[in-house]
Amino acid sequence: MDPRERLIVALDVPSVEAAQAVVARLGDAVSFYKIGYQLAFAGGLSYAQELAQSGKRVFLDLKLHDIGNTVAAGVKSVARLGASFLTVHAYPQTMQAAIGARDHDLRILAVTALTSFNDADLATAGYGASVREIVTRRAVQARDIGVDGLVCSPEEAADVRFIVGAGLTLVTPGIRPAGAGVGDQKRVATPSAAIAAGADYLVVGRPILAAEDPKAAAEAIIAEIAAARTQR
């Protein structure tokens, strides 16, 4: 796979017009984009379809989680938009419903634990396990249920890769190039460290969107991905 295809740029912007400006500025340097809540609820679902029709790949980060019938119906609707990836929360019933409703072009990614969480956050939320324990348990369940891939922080990527083997796709957010600010993320790594740990795709938002030259920032990350892949 071309290293360019392994970079997913998060379109964390408030409008379709802002997203269009980002895509135009990045040009052919980036072929894969993530649309999350902010843009999805501001016309981003229609824009996702437009992006897909233009030849770009789209990752809809909607983190579905509901009763099985509702999740399945949502997956079927998303499949019609032409997206490549869709996230659901890594609860067994949710994963089972999602993979039962997907079509052959849509890949279901299960979210293990948000990268803004640490052990203290999980304890506050009532969990009696650490981040690593939660991620490990959900990785085993996801593998056994048959989802297409997992979203995990780069800190757990090596453990998850060991559990699921080569068959599942690993997508890692929380990517910060050397010297970049961490922001509200708590479990982060550089692009090369994430690739070395077993990640297939890296999701990057602010380090590119906030850069003085977003295209140059994207190309620098792609170059780092390419170098790390040769060493794996």
Foldseek 3Di string as FASTA:
>chain_A
DQLLAQEEEEPQDQEPVSSVVLCVLLDPSHQHYEYEDRHVVHCVLLVLLVSLVVRGAYAYEYADDDALVVLLVVQLVSQVSNHQEYEHALDLSNLLSNVVNHDPRHAYEHEQDDQLDFQVNCVVVPDPDGSLVSSLVSLLSCLVSPGQAYEDALVCLLVSCVNNPPRHAYEHEQEDAPPGDSPSGDRHYHLLSSVLSPHRHYYDYCQQVVDPRNNVSSVVSSVSNVVSVVVD
